Amino acid sequence: MIKIKNLDKYFGTFHVLKNCNTTIDKGSVVVICGPSGSGKSTLIKCINGLEEFNSGEIIVDSMNVGELKSDLPKLRAKIGMVFQNFELFPHLNILDNMLLAQKKVLKRSSSESEEKAIILLKRIGLTDQIKKYPGQLSGGQQQRVAIARALAMDPIVMLFDEPTSALDPEMIKEVLDVMIELANDGMTMICVTHEMGFAKNVADKVIFMDNGSIIEDCSKREFFETERSERTKQFLDKILHD
């Protein structure tokens, strides 16, 4: 579904992505991990055109992301994106947060949009919060709403940019449970996360990045159970024992 080839990106003179190559199969769950500043978030933002890149190629469902003629709004409508800070509209209640993009982008009717929203809010266990505003919900509830809002667009792939990093520990599980359910349903997912338990239980493959480069691109079994590079070993030793 997604192919990344020889991808390079700079922020000014800083080389943030260095010759990155990988493929993502339809229905697979990919975890991207690595230290802060390694380029993980930038990589997934390049996939849906939120960040421009300097050279290389990204193909998503046969669309070339970097070509000027590519319809990026159409591409983004097919790619769900969940950020670490929720990005819900604070002045809209939960239902209206769910309806806005469906009506504006997909041109669904109000009744169709509301039906879709209710189904998804029921799925994440938040129909009783439908008239509340984001500020009235816990962080875990807000993130679950953000996931449901992305799903309302019927995405072909979901991108998660450290979705649990802003949450208190007791709220992390409720968000991960929703993500695990999505994975079990066959949703294609790319997750930037340090939740190694999630990676061990759910991921089909793990990408480890450091200093802008992809150091490891392998199955979760290979990543966790076989001898990897010294840099990968250092990372795992630290994150699994912190």
C-alpha atoms as a PDB file:
ATOM      1  CA  MET A   1       0.000   0.000   0.000  1.00  0.00           C
ATOM      2  CA  ILE A   2       2.852   2.415   0.833  1.00  0.00           C
ATOM      3  CA  LYS A   3       6.331   2.547  -0.651  1.00  0.00           C
ATOM      4  CA  ILE A   4       9.054   4.926   0.510  1.00  0.00           C
ATOM      5  CA  LYS A   5      12.176   5.076  -1.634  1.00  0.00           C
ATOM      6  CA  ASN A   6      15.413   7.051  -1.128  1.00  0.00           C
ATOM      7  CA  LEU A   7      13.631   9.688   0.981  1.00  0.00           C
ATOM      8  CA  ASP A   8      15.625  12.733   2.074  1.00  0.00           C
ATOM      9  CA  LYS A   9      14.433  15.791   3.939  1.00  0.00           C
ATOM     10  CA  TYR A  10      16.161  18.859   5.340  1.00  0.00           C
ATOM     11  CA  PHE A  11      15.070  21.523   7.801  1.00  0.00           C
ATOM     12  CA  GLY A  12      17.385  24.268   6.580  1.00  0.00           C
ATOM     13  CA  THR A  13      20.829  22.683   6.781  1.00  0.00           C
ATOM     14  CA  PHE A  14      19.689  19.946   9.188  1.00  0.00           C
ATOM     15  CA  HIS A  15      19.411  16.585   7.415  1.00  0.00           C
ATOM     16  CA  VAL A  16      16.377  15.142   9.227  1.00  0.00           C
ATOM     17  CA  LEU A  17      15.650  12.139   6.968  1.00  0.00           C
ATOM     18  CA  LYS A  18      18.524  10.325   5.274  1.00  0.00           C
ATOM     19  CA  ASN A  19      17.870   7.960   2.367  1.00  0.00           C
ATOM     20  CA  CYS A  20      14.910   6.229   4.032  1.00  0.00           C
ATOM     21  CA  ASN A  21      13.455   3.139   2.348  1.00  0.00           C
ATOM     22  CA  THR A  22      10.587   0.903   3.440  1.00  0.00           C
ATOM     23  CA  THR A  23       7.298  -0.636   2.331  1.00  0.00           C
ATOM     24  CA  ILE A  24       4.030  -1.006   4.228  1.00  0.00           C
ATOM     25  CA  ASP A  25       1.693  -3.832   3.244  1.00  0.00           C
ATOM     26  CA  LYS A  26      -2.079  -3.479   3.309  1.00  0.00           C
ATOM     27  CA  GLY A  27      -3.496  -4.672   6.628  1.00  0.00           C
ATOM     28  CA  SER A  28      -0.146  -4.612   8.418  1.00  0.00           C
ATOM     29  CA  VAL A  29       0.698  -2.872  11.683  1.00  0.00           C
ATOM     30  CA  VAL A  30       4.069  -1.129  11.700  1.00  0.00           C
ATOM     31  CA  VAL A  31       5.646   0.402  14.798  1.00  0.00           C
ATOM     32  CA  ILE A  32       8.276   3.106  14.309  1.00  0.00           C
ATOM     33  CA  CYS A  33      10.490   3.643  17.333  1.00  0.00           C
ATOM     34  CA  GLY A  34      13.735   5.362  18.171  1.00  0.00           C
ATOM     35  CA  PRO A  35      15.156   8.171  20.306  1.00  0.00           C
ATOM     36  CA  SER A  36      13.768  11.699  20.270  1.00  0.00           C
ATOM     37  CA  GLY A  37      14.872  13.666  17.220  1.00  0.00           C
ATOM     38  CA  SER A  38      15.481  10.594  15.068  1.00  0.00           C
ATOM     39  CA  GLY A  39      12.966  11.633  12.379  1.00  0.00           C
ATOM     40  CA  LYS A  40      10.060   9.326  13.270  1.00  0.00           C
ATOM     41  CA  SER A  41       7.292  11.924  13.304  1.00  0.00           C
ATOM     42  CA  THR A  42       8.683  13.693  10.254  1.00  0.00           C
ATOM     43  CA  LEU A  43       8.643  10.426   8.326  1.00  0.00           C
ATOM     44  CA  ILE A  44       4.945   9.754   8.876  1.00  0.00           C
ATOM     45  CA  LYS A  45       4.046  13.405   8.226  1.00  0.00           C
ATOM     46  CA  CYS A  46       5.734  13.089   4.827  1.00  0.00           C
ATOM     47  CA  ILE A  47       3.437  10.153   4.013  1.00  0.00           C
ATOM     48  CA  ASN A  48       0.320  12.324   3.879  1.00  0.00           C
ATOM     49  CA  GLY A  49       2.036  15.464   2.668  1.00  0.00           C
ATOM     50  CA  LEU A  50       1.978  17.388   5.953  1.00  0.00           C
ATOM     51  CA  GLU A  51       5.738  17.769   5.487  1.00  0.00           C
ATOM     52  CA  GLU A  52       7.387  18.309   2.124  1.00  0.00           C
ATOM     53  CA  PHE A  53      10.532  16.337   1.349  1.00  0.00           C
ATOM     54  CA  ASN A  54      13.560  17.248  -0.727  1.00  0.00           C
ATOM     55  CA  SER A  55      14.163  14.072  -2.717  1.00  0.00           C
ATOM     56  CA  GLY A  56      13.023  10.505  -3.064  1.00  0.00           C
ATOM     57  CA  GLU A  57       9.586   9.053  -3.566  1.00  0.00           C
ATOM     58  CA  ILE A  58       6.515   8.157  -1.519  1.00  0.00           C
ATOM     59  CA  ILE A  59       3.725   6.155  -3.173  1.00  0.00           C
ATOM     60  CA  VAL A  60       0.464   5.753  -1.224  1.00  0.00           C
ATOM     61  CA  ASP A  61      -2.222   3.614  -2.845  1.00  0.00           C
ATOM     62  CA  SER A  62      -0.748   4.360  -6.310  1.00  0.00           C
ATOM     63  CA  MET A  63      -0.558   8.140  -5.679  1.00  0.00           C
ATOM     64  CA  ASN A  64       2.863   9.807  -5.836  1.00  0.00           C
ATOM     65  CA  VAL A  65       2.860  12.146  -2.833  1.00  0.00           C
ATOM     66  CA  GLY A  66       5.691  14.361  -4.050  1.00  0.00           C
ATOM     67  CA  GLU A  67       4.349  15.134  -7.522  1.00  0.00           C
ATOM     68  CA  LEU A  68       2.959  18.643  -8.009  1.00  0.00           C
ATOM     69  CA  LYS A  69      -0.083  17.260  -9.827  1.00  0.00           C
ATOM     70  CA  SER A  70      -1.011  14.990  -6.907  1.00  0.00           C
ATOM     71  CA  ASP A  71      -4.256  15.870  -5.148  1.00  0.00           C
ATOM     72  CA  LEU A  72      -2.993  16.084  -1.554  1.00  0.00           C
ATOM     73  CA  PRO A  73      -6.390  16.996  -0.028  1.00  0.00           C
ATOM     74  CA  LYS A  74      -7.821  13.859  -1.640  1.00  0.00           C
ATOM     75  CA  LEU A  75      -4.889  11.833  -0.302  1.00  0.00           C
ATOM     76  CA  ARG A  76      -5.266  13.232   3.227  1.00  0.00           C
ATOM     77  CA  ALA A  77      -8.959  12.379   3.181  1.00  0.00           C
ATOM     78  CA  LYS A  78      -7.921   8.725   2.823  1.00  0.00           C
ATOM     79  CA  ILE A  79      -5.262   8.798   5.556  1.00  0.00           C
ATOM     80  CA  GLY A  80      -6.298   9.058   9.187  1.00  0.00           C
ATOM     81  CA  MET A  81      -3.872  10.977  11.382  1.00  0.00           C
ATOM     82  CA  VAL A  82      -3.864  10.926  15.177  1.00  0.00           C
ATOM     83  CA  PHE A  83      -1.534  13.334  16.988  1.00  0.00           C
ATOM     84  CA  GLN A  84      -0.158  13.227  20.521  1.00  0.00           C
ATOM     85  CA  ASN A  85      -2.084  16.366  21.544  1.00  0.00           C
ATOM     86  CA  PHE A  86      -5.495  15.258  20.225  1.00  0.00           C
ATOM     87  CA  GLU A  87      -6.082  18.310  17.930  1.00  0.00           C
ATOM     88  CA  LEU A  88      -9.820  18.410  18.646  1.00  0.00           C
ATOM     89  CA  PHE A  89     -11.638  21.712  18.087  1.00  0.00           C
ATOM     90  CA  PRO A  90     -12.151  23.083  21.617  1.00  0.00           C
ATOM     91  CA  HIS A  91     -15.171  25.248  20.663  1.00  0.00           C
ATOM     92  CA  LEU A  92     -17.104  22.285  19.211  1.00  0.00           C
ATOM     93  CA  ASN A  93     -18.757  19.531  21.214  1.00  0.00           C
ATOM     94  CA  ILE A  94     -17.768  15.923  20.609  1.00  0.00           C
ATOM     95  CA  LEU A  95     -20.518  15.252  18.085  1.00  0.00           C
ATOM     96  CA  ASP A  96     -19.714  18.372  16.060  1.00  0.00           C
ATOM     97  CA  ASN A  97     -16.014  17.457  16.110  1.00  0.00           C
ATOM     98  CA  MET A  98     -17.044  14.142  14.556  1.00  0.00           C
ATOM     99  CA  LEU A  99     -19.308  15.726  11.925  1.00  0.00           C
ATOM    100  CA  LEU A 100     -17.239  18.594  10.556  1.00  0.00           C
ATOM    101  CA  ALA A 101     -14.777  16.818   8.238  1.00  0.00           C
ATOM    102  CA  GLN A 102     -17.362  14.272   7.103  1.00  0.00           C
ATOM    103  CA  LYS A 103     -19.629  17.065   5.877  1.00  0.00           C
ATOM    104  CA  LYS A 104     -16.949  19.419   4.536  1.00  0.00           C
ATOM    105  CA  VAL A 105     -14.580  16.921   2.917  1.00  0.00           C
ATOM    106  CA  LEU A 106     -16.681  13.848   2.130  1.00  0.00           C
ATOM    107  CA  LYS A 107     -19.858  15.897   1.472  1.00  0.00           C
ATOM    108  CA  ARG A 108     -21.949  13.564   3.584  1.00  0.00           C
ATOM    109  CA  SER A 109     -25.365  14.716   4.707  1.00  0.00           C
ATOM    110  CA  SER A 110     -25.909  15.673   8.332  1.00  0.00           C
ATOM    111  CA  SER A 111     -27.896  12.498   8.964  1.00  0.00           C
ATOM    112  CA  GLU A 112     -25.279  10.235   7.350  1.00  0.00           C
ATOM    113  CA  SER A 113     -22.474  11.962   9.250  1.00  0.00           C
ATOM    114  CA  GLU A 114     -24.284  11.704  12.559  1.00  0.00           C
ATOM    115  CA  GLU A 115     -25.098   8.037  12.015  1.00  0.00           C
ATOM    116  CA  LYS A 116     -21.430   7.310  11.324  1.00  0.00           C
ATOM    117  CA  ALA A 117     -20.363   9.334  14.370  1.00  0.00           C
ATOM    118  CA  ILE A 118     -22.754   7.541  16.721  1.00  0.00           C
ATOM    119  CA  ILE A 119     -21.576   4.118  15.524  1.00  0.00           C
ATOM    120  CA  LEU A 120     -17.934   5.021  16.141  1.00  0.00           C
ATOM    121  CA  LEU A 121     -18.543   6.748  19.485  1.00  0.00           C
ATOM    122  CA  LYS A 122     -20.427   3.662  20.606  1.00  0.00           C
ATOM    123  CA  ARG A 123     -17.485   1.541  19.518  1.00  0.00           C
ATOM    124  CA  ILE A 124     -15.100   3.511  21.750  1.00  0.00           C
ATOM    125  CA  GLY A 125     -17.617   3.691  24.618  1.00  0.00           C
ATOM    126  CA  LEU A 126     -18.245   7.439  24.596  1.00  0.00           C
ATOM    127  CA  THR A 127     -21.827   7.962  23.413  1.00  0.00           C
ATOM    128  CA  ASP A 128     -22.659   9.380  26.853  1.00  0.00           C
ATOM    129  CA  GLN A 129     -20.133  12.203  26.271  1.00  0.00           C
ATOM    130  CA  ILE A 130     -21.524  13.320  22.918  1.00  0.00           C
ATOM    131  CA  LYS A 131     -22.648  16.813  23.979  1.00  0.00           C
ATOM    132  CA  LYS A 132     -19.569  17.586  26.055  1.00  0.00           C
ATOM    133  CA  TYR A 133     -16.654  19.706  24.873  1.00  0.00           C
ATOM    134  CA  PRO A 134     -13.076  18.375  24.635  1.00  0.00           C
ATOM    135  CA  GLY A 135     -12.005  20.277  27.737  1.00  0.00           C
ATOM    136  CA  GLN A 136     -14.596  18.378  29.766  1.00  0.00           C
ATOM    137  CA  LEU A 137     -13.076  14.991  28.879  1.00  0.00           C
ATOM    138  CA  SER A 138     -10.002  13.218  30.202  1.00  0.00           C
ATOM    139  CA  GLY A 139      -6.930  12.986  27.986  1.00  0.00           C
ATOM    140  CA  GLY A 140      -7.655   9.339  27.250  1.00  0.00           C
ATOM    141  CA  GLN A 141     -11.237  10.136  26.260  1.00  0.00           C
ATOM    142  CA  GLN A 142     -10.089  12.981  24.002  1.00  0.00           C
ATOM    143  CA  GLN A 143      -7.603  10.720  22.240  1.00  0.00           C
ATOM    144  CA  ARG A 144     -10.274   8.055  21.715  1.00  0.00           C
ATOM    145  CA  VAL A 145     -12.505  10.725  20.156  1.00  0.00           C
ATOM    146  CA  ALA A 146      -9.598  11.807  17.919  1.00  0.00           C
ATOM    147  CA  ILE A 147      -9.220   8.197  16.737  1.00  0.00           C
ATOM    148  CA  ALA A 148     -12.971   7.896  16.111  1.00  0.00           C
ATOM    149  CA  ARG A 149     -12.971  11.184  14.182  1.00  0.00           C
ATOM    150  CA  ALA A 150     -10.188   9.890  11.932  1.00  0.00           C
ATOM    151  CA  LEU A 151     -12.057   6.599  11.401  1.00  0.00           C
ATOM    152  CA  ALA A 152     -15.189   8.490  10.378  1.00  0.00           C
ATOM    153  CA  MET A 153     -13.398   9.424   7.155  1.00  0.00           C
ATOM    154  CA  ASP A 154     -13.110   5.724   6.157  1.00  0.00           C
ATOM    155  CA  PRO A 155      -9.297   5.869   5.873  1.00  0.00           C
ATOM    156  CA  ILE A 156      -7.232   3.270   4.041  1.00  0.00           C
ATOM    157  CA  VAL A 157      -4.430   3.705   6.590  1.00  0.00           C
ATOM    158  CA  MET A 158      -4.131   5.188  10.081  1.00  0.00           C
ATOM    159  CA  LEU A 159      -1.045   7.124  11.182  1.00  0.00           C
ATOM    160  CA  PHE A 160      -0.416   7.535  14.907  1.00  0.00           C
ATOM    161  CA  ASP A 161       2.156  10.085  16.080  1.00  0.00           C
ATOM    162  CA  GLU A 162       2.988   9.104  19.673  1.00  0.00           C
ATOM    163  CA  PRO A 163      -0.721   8.898  20.589  1.00  0.00           C
ATOM    164  CA  THR A 164      -0.133   8.042  24.251  1.00  0.00           C
ATOM    165  CA  SER A 165       2.821  10.302  25.080  1.00  0.00           C
ATOM    166  CA  ALA A 166       0.653  13.126  26.485  1.00  0.00           C
ATOM    167  CA  LEU A 167      -1.435  10.794  28.656  1.00  0.00           C
ATOM    168  CA  ASP A 168      -1.238   9.832  32.292  1.00  0.00           C
ATOM    169  CA  PRO A 169      -0.224   6.169  32.733  1.00  0.00           C
ATOM    170  CA  GLU A 170      -3.714   5.004  33.711  1.00  0.00           C
ATOM    171  CA  MET A 171      -5.168   6.503  30.523  1.00  0.00           C
ATOM    172  CA  ILE A 172      -2.707   4.842  28.162  1.00  0.00           C
ATOM    173  CA  LYS A 173      -4.382   1.428  28.260  1.00  0.00           C
ATOM    174  CA  GLU A 174      -7.787   2.719  27.133  1.00  0.00           C
ATOM    175  CA  VAL A 175      -6.213   4.265  24.018  1.00  0.00           C
ATOM    176  CA  LEU A 176      -4.032   1.236  23.269  1.00  0.00           C
ATOM    177  CA  ASP A 177      -7.095  -1.024  23.599  1.00  0.00           C
ATOM    178  CA  VAL A 178      -8.816   0.929  20.807  1.00  0.00           C
ATOM    179  CA  MET A 179      -5.691   0.678  18.646  1.00  0.00           C
ATOM    180  CA  ILE A 180      -5.413  -3.062  19.286  1.00  0.00           C
ATOM    181  CA  GLU A 181      -9.033  -3.515  18.250  1.00  0.00           C
ATOM    182  CA  LEU A 182      -8.342  -1.626  15.015  1.00  0.00           C
ATOM    183  CA  ALA A 183      -5.318  -3.819  14.316  1.00  0.00           C
ATOM    184  CA  ASN A 184      -7.361  -6.958  14.934  1.00  0.00           C
ATOM    185  CA  ASP A 185      -9.950  -5.661  12.460  1.00  0.00           C
ATOM    186  CA  GLY A 186      -7.281  -5.464   9.750  1.00  0.00           C
ATOM    187  CA  MET A 187      -6.681  -1.703   9.618  1.00  0.00           C
ATOM    188  CA  THR A 188      -3.353  -0.711   8.079  1.00  0.00           C
ATOM    189  CA  MET A 189      -1.543   1.207  10.826  1.00  0.00           C
ATOM    190  CA  ILE A 190       1.744   3.032  11.232  1.00  0.00           C
ATOM    191  CA  CYS A 191       2.437   3.939  14.843  1.00  0.00           C
ATOM    192  CA  VAL A 192       5.231   6.123  16.165  1.00  0.00           C
ATOM    193  CA  THR A 193       5.393   4.973  19.774  1.00  0.00           C
ATOM    194  CA  HIS A 194       7.607   3.917  22.653  1.00  0.00           C
ATOM    195  CA  GLU A 195       4.999   1.432  23.862  1.00  0.00           C
ATOM    196  CA  MET A 196       7.059  -1.706  23.327  1.00  0.00           C
ATOM    197  CA  GLY A 197       4.328  -3.912  24.797  1.00  0.00           C
ATOM    198  CA  PHE A 198       2.059  -2.760  21.978  1.00  0.00           C
ATOM    199  CA  ALA A 199       4.828  -3.478  19.470  1.00  0.00           C
ATOM    200  CA  LYS A 200       5.398  -6.983  20.853  1.00  0.00           C
ATOM    201  CA  ASN A 201       1.695  -7.856  20.914  1.00  0.00           C
ATOM    202  CA  VAL A 202       0.347  -6.217  17.776  1.00  0.00           C
ATOM    203  CA  ALA A 203       3.035  -5.133  15.299  1.00  0.00           C
ATOM    204  CA  ASP A 204       3.803  -7.088  12.162  1.00  0.00           C
ATOM    205  CA  LYS A 205       7.097  -5.280  11.793  1.00  0.00           C
ATOM    206  CA  VAL A 206       9.214  -2.716  13.612  1.00  0.00           C
ATOM    207  CA  ILE A 207      11.185   0.158  12.115  1.00  0.00           C
ATOM    208  CA  PHE A 208      13.925   1.560  14.338  1.00  0.00           C
ATOM    209  CA  MET A 209      15.252   5.016  13.447  1.00  0.00           C
ATOM    210  CA  ASP A 210      18.262   6.921  14.705  1.00  0.00           C
ATOM    211  CA  ASN A 211      19.744  10.215  13.530  1.00  0.00           C
ATOM    212  CA  GLY A 212      17.411  10.387  10.514  1.00  0.00           C
ATOM    213  CA  SER A 213      18.165   6.908   9.203  1.00  0.00           C
ATOM    214  CA  ILE A 214      16.250   3.630   9.263  1.00  0.00           C
ATOM    215  CA  ILE A 215      18.542   1.288  11.193  1.00  0.00           C
ATOM    216  CA  GLU A 216      16.175  -1.690  11.448  1.00  0.00           C
ATOM    217  CA  ASP A 217      13.217  -2.717   9.274  1.00  0.00           C
ATOM    218  CA  CYS A 218      12.200  -6.223  10.269  1.00  0.00           C
ATOM    219  CA  SER A 219       9.506  -8.419  11.775  1.00  0.00           C
ATOM    220  CA  LYS A 220       8.762  -7.970  15.464  1.00  0.00           C
ATOM    221  CA  ARG A 221      10.172 -11.426  16.139  1.00  0.00           C
ATOM    222  CA  GLU A 222      13.483 -10.493  14.520  1.00  0.00           C
ATOM    223  CA  PHE A 223      13.532  -7.142  16.315  1.00  0.00           C
ATOM    224  CA  PHE A 224      12.924  -8.485  19.806  1.00  0.00           C
ATOM    225  CA  GLU A 225      14.313 -12.016  19.647  1.00  0.00           C
ATOM    226  CA  THR A 226      17.393 -11.947  17.411  1.00  0.00           C
ATOM    227  CA  GLU A 227      20.718 -10.147  17.590  1.00  0.00           C
ATOM    228  CA  ARG A 228      20.387  -6.653  16.108  1.00  0.00           C
ATOM    229  CA  SER A 229      22.792  -3.738  15.655  1.00  0.00           C
ATOM    230  CA  GLU A 230      24.614  -2.389  18.680  1.00  0.00           C
ATOM    231  CA  ARG A 231      22.617   0.874  18.489  1.00  0.00           C
ATOM    232  CA  THR A 232      19.337  -1.058  18.518  1.00  0.00           C
ATOM    233  CA  LYS A 233      20.513  -3.112  21.481  1.00  0.00           C
ATOM    234  CA  GLN A 234      21.383   0.061  23.404  1.00  0.00           C
ATOM    235  CA  PHE A 235      17.926   1.504  22.692  1.00  0.00           C
ATOM    236  CA  LEU A 236      16.090  -1.651  23.749  1.00  0.00           C
ATOM    237  CA  ASP A 237      18.177  -2.074  26.884  1.00  0.00           C
ATOM    238  CA  LYS A 238      17.267   1.458  27.945  1.00  0.00           C
ATOM    239  CA  ILE A 239      13.584   1.521  27.002  1.00  0.00           C
ATOM    240  CA  LEU A 240      12.737  -1.963  28.263  1.00  0.00           C
ATOM    241  CA  HIS A 241      14.387  -1.398  31.619  1.00  0.00           C
ATOM    242  CA  ASP A 242      13.392   2.230  32.341  1.00  0.00           C
END
